[in-house]
Amino acid sequence: MDFEVSFEARLWRHDGQAAWYFLTLPREVSARVLAEAEGRMKPGGSVPVSASIGRTRWNTSLFRDLGRGAFLLPVKAAVREKEQLREGDAVEVVLVNGRR
């Protein structure tokens, strides 16, 4: 699996007990990730990646959301704080497969 992709998406908050924030990968980006990760996804359909927003880079995993037909990128509080991100903000992201 070898890919690097960039995309823009809006930050949204999960409606649930925990205050998780996510970016939904565009369908074409999700399709590429799925094709590249086929047979190598972790249990639950997660894909390890290195993500960058602005000057902040972190290791995380993408998670499949079958209802949306896309992968989700969780954006932790430390990243949101450093990059001054709020719910609804349009965010530019770069993803690289694996953890670096």
Protein backbone atom coordinates (compact mmCIF):
# COMPACT_ATOMS: atom_id res chain seq x y z
CA MET A 1 0.00 0.00 0.00
CA ASP A 2 1.60 3.24 -1.10
CA PHE A 3 -0.33 6.48 -1.40
CA GLU A 4 -0.31 10.15 -0.59
CA VAL A 5 -3.53 12.10 -1.02
CA SER A 6 -4.75 15.56 -0.17
CA PHE A 7 -8.31 16.76 0.14
CA GLU A 8 -10.52 19.36 1.77
CA ALA A 9 -13.39 18.48 4.09
CA ARG A 10 -15.51 20.09 6.80
CA LEU A 11 -14.85 19.26 10.44
CA TRP A 12 -17.86 17.77 12.19
CA ARG A 13 -18.65 16.58 15.70
CA HIS A 14 -20.04 13.11 16.32
CA ASP A 15 -23.45 13.12 18.00
CA GLY A 16 -22.79 10.83 20.88
CA GLN A 17 -21.55 10.56 24.43
CA ALA A 18 -17.94 11.32 23.51
CA ALA A 19 -16.96 14.56 21.77
CA TRP A 20 -15.16 13.05 18.78
CA TYR A 21 -14.48 15.22 15.74
CA PHE A 22 -14.03 13.86 12.23
CA LEU A 23 -13.38 14.72 8.62
CA THR A 24 -15.17 12.59 6.03
CA LEU A 25 -12.90 11.69 3.14
CA PRO A 26 -14.41 12.44 -0.28
CA ARG A 27 -15.75 9.32 -2.00
CA GLU A 28 -12.99 9.29 -4.65
CA VAL A 29 -10.30 9.52 -1.95
CA SER A 30 -12.05 6.83 0.10
CA ALA A 31 -12.20 4.57 -2.97
CA ARG A 32 -8.45 5.00 -3.50
CA VAL A 33 -7.67 4.24 0.15
CA LEU A 34 -9.90 1.16 0.02
CA ALA A 35 -8.21 -0.11 -3.16
CA GLU A 36 -4.72 0.48 -1.75
CA ALA A 37 -5.53 -1.08 1.64
CA GLU A 38 -7.45 -4.10 0.37
CA GLY A 39 -6.40 -7.20 2.27
CA ARG A 40 -4.31 -5.16 4.71
CA MET A 41 -6.91 -3.35 6.78
CA LYS A 42 -6.84 -3.79 10.52
CA PRO A 43 -9.77 -5.33 12.42
CA GLY A 44 -12.84 -3.14 12.15
CA GLY A 45 -11.73 -1.80 8.78
CA SER A 46 -9.17 0.71 10.03
CA VAL A 47 -6.20 1.90 7.96
CA PRO A 48 -3.09 3.37 9.66
CA VAL A 49 -2.00 6.72 8.21
CA SER A 50 0.08 9.77 8.90
CA ALA A 51 -2.09 12.89 8.65
CA SER A 52 -1.10 16.55 8.27
CA ILE A 53 -3.19 19.66 8.75
CA GLY A 54 -1.28 22.91 8.49
CA ARG A 55 1.96 22.46 10.42
CA THR A 56 0.60 19.64 12.56
CA ARG A 57 1.33 16.01 11.71
CA TRP A 58 0.20 12.96 13.65
CA ASN A 59 -0.22 9.20 13.35
CA THR A 60 -3.75 7.88 13.40
CA SER A 61 -6.09 5.52 11.59
CA LEU A 62 -8.90 6.00 9.11
CA PHE A 63 -12.14 4.23 9.90
CA ARG A 64 -14.71 2.94 7.42
CA ASP A 65 -18.19 4.36 7.70
CA LEU A 66 -20.38 2.06 5.64
CA GLY A 67 -23.39 4.35 6.07
CA ARG A 68 -21.53 7.24 4.42
CA GLY A 69 -19.66 5.01 1.99
CA ALA A 70 -16.43 6.73 3.00
CA PHE A 71 -13.54 6.69 5.45
CA LEU A 72 -13.46 8.98 8.47
CA LEU A 73 -10.38 10.75 9.84
CA PRO A 74 -10.58 11.46 13.58
CA VAL A 75 -9.10 14.86 14.50
CA LYS A 76 -7.95 14.87 18.11
CA ALA A 77 -8.22 17.87 20.44
CA ALA A 78 -4.49 18.65 20.37
CA VAL A 79 -4.59 19.02 16.57
CA ARG A 80 -7.74 21.15 16.66
CA GLU A 81 -6.18 23.42 19.28
CA LYS A 82 -2.84 23.84 17.47
CA GLU A 83 -4.55 24.59 14.16
CA GLN A 84 -7.39 26.60 15.77
CA LEU A 85 -10.07 24.44 14.17
CA ARG A 86 -13.75 24.62 15.00
CA GLU A 87 -16.72 22.52 13.99
CA GLY A 88 -17.77 23.40 10.44
CA ASP A 89 -14.33 24.66 9.35
CA ALA A 90 -13.09 23.62 5.91
CA VAL A 91 -9.81 21.78 6.46
CA GLU A 92 -6.99 20.89 4.02
CA VAL A 93 -5.51 17.48 4.82
CA VAL A 94 -2.61 15.42 3.51
CA LEU A 95 -2.65 11.68 4.22
CA VAL A 96 0.25 9.28 3.74
CA ASN A 97 -0.16 5.54 4.17
CA GLY A 98 1.34 3.96 7.24
CA ARG A 99 2.86 5.76 10.16
CA ARG A 100 5.91 7.95 9.75
